[in-house]
Protein backbone atom coordinates (compact mmCIF):
# COMPACT_ATOMS: atom_id res chain seq x y z
CA MET A 1 -4.40 -2.59 -8.07
CA PHE A 2 -1.07 -1.14 -7.07
CA VAL A 3 2.54 -2.08 -7.67
CA ALA A 4 5.53 -0.81 -5.69
CA ARG A 5 9.11 -1.36 -6.85
CA PHE A 6 12.19 -1.65 -4.62
CA ALA A 7 15.90 -1.93 -5.46
CA HIS A 8 17.81 -5.04 -4.40
CA ASP A 9 19.00 -3.18 -1.27
CA GLY A 10 15.41 -2.38 -0.19
CA THR A 11 15.37 1.24 -1.35
CA ALA A 12 11.95 2.29 -2.67
CA ILE A 13 12.11 3.15 -6.39
CA ASP A 14 8.50 3.99 -7.21
CA ALA A 15 4.85 3.00 -6.79
CA LYS A 16 1.92 3.11 -9.18
CA ASN A 17 -1.83 2.74 -8.73
CA TYR A 18 -3.73 1.26 -11.69
CA GLY A 19 -7.44 1.47 -12.41
CA ASP A 20 -10.09 3.79 -11.03
CA SER A 21 -11.61 4.48 -7.63
CA GLY A 22 -13.42 1.12 -7.65
CA ALA A 23 -12.27 -1.98 -5.82
CA SER A 24 -9.08 -3.62 -7.06
CA SER A 25 -6.73 -6.24 -5.74
CA ALA A 26 -3.44 -7.98 -6.29
CA GLN A 27 -1.37 -10.11 -3.96
CA GLY A 28 2.21 -11.17 -4.25
CA VAL A 29 5.86 -10.38 -4.69
CA ALA A 30 7.86 -10.59 -7.92
CA PHE A 31 11.48 -9.86 -8.86
CA ASP A 32 12.98 -8.71 -12.16
CA ASP A 33 16.39 -9.63 -13.61
CA ALA A 34 18.01 -6.57 -11.98
CA GLY A 35 16.83 -7.73 -8.55
CA ALA A 36 14.11 -5.09 -8.13
CA MET A 37 11.16 -6.26 -6.04
CA TYR A 38 7.50 -5.56 -6.90
CA LEU A 39 4.76 -5.74 -4.24
CA GLY A 40 0.97 -5.86 -4.57
CA GLY A 41 -2.00 -5.55 -2.20
CA VAL A 42 -5.75 -4.84 -1.97
CA ILE A 43 -7.05 -1.29 -2.40
CA ASN A 44 -10.72 -0.38 -2.10
CA GLY A 45 -10.06 3.14 -0.80
CA THR A 46 -7.74 5.94 -1.92
CA VAL A 47 -3.93 5.60 -1.97
CA VAL A 48 -1.69 8.46 -3.15
CA ASN A 49 2.14 8.49 -3.33
CA SER A 50 2.49 5.60 -0.90
CA VAL A 51 4.17 2.20 -0.64
CA LEU A 52 2.06 -0.75 0.53
CA SER A 53 3.52 -4.17 1.34
CA PRO A 54 1.83 -7.48 0.48
CA GLY A 55 -1.29 -8.28 2.46
CA VAL A 56 -2.20 -4.63 3.09
CA ARG A 57 -5.90 -3.84 2.79
CA VAL A 58 -7.29 -0.33 2.35
CA ASP A 59 -11.07 -0.35 2.83
CA VAL A 60 -13.64 1.76 0.95
CA GLY A 61 -13.63 5.31 2.34
CA ALA A 62 -10.10 5.06 3.79
CA VAL A 63 -7.32 7.40 2.59
CA VAL A 64 -3.54 6.76 2.60
CA ARG A 65 -1.26 9.61 1.47
CA ASP A 66 2.53 9.91 1.36
CA SER A 67 2.96 6.88 3.64
CA ILE A 68 4.61 3.48 3.96
CA ILE A 69 2.36 0.66 5.15
CA MET A 70 3.99 -2.62 6.15
CA PHE A 71 2.78 -6.22 5.73
CA ASP A 72 -0.75 -7.40 6.59
CA THR A 73 -1.99 -4.04 7.87
CA VAL A 74 -5.66 -3.08 7.54
CA ILE A 75 -6.73 0.53 7.02
CA ARG A 76 -10.44 0.68 7.90
CA THR A 77 -13.23 2.80 6.43
CA GLY A 78 -12.99 6.41 7.65
CA ALA A 79 -9.26 6.25 8.43
CA VAL A 80 -6.94 8.94 7.03
CA VAL A 81 -3.23 8.05 7.10
CA ASP A 82 -1.07 11.00 6.05
CA ARG A 83 2.77 11.03 6.01
CA ALA A 84 3.14 8.02 8.28
CA ILE A 85 5.09 4.77 8.50
CA ILE A 86 2.84 1.99 9.82
CA ASP A 87 4.37 -1.24 11.15
CA LYS A 88 3.19 -4.72 10.11
CA GLU A 89 -0.13 -6.25 11.21
CA ALA A 90 -1.58 -2.94 12.42
CA LEU A 91 -5.29 -2.16 12.43
CA ILE A 92 -5.99 1.53 11.72
CA GLY A 93 -9.55 2.63 12.54
CA PRO A 94 -11.57 5.75 11.64
CA GLY A 95 -9.99 9.15 12.20
CA ARG A 96 -6.80 10.87 11.17
CA LEU A 97 -3.30 9.53 11.78
């Protein structure tokens, strides 16, 4: 499972991945009293130092590093996304981006 936190103005504050390399999932958006927003998604692959919006799916064998992935995007098995900003509802197949 992962959680990303944003300030009330949309600035990314931090992101954290919980658990191990096995499948994990969380869906939703929550806000704290200071107005920070927390996002969750589904991770079955590897995500490092990245921000993922709700509805994002990272399949087993996919890698996302130092990237921002917008809403409802799917990163398929074999894909490597490195230092990229991916728009919403994208489908990223095998290979390096």
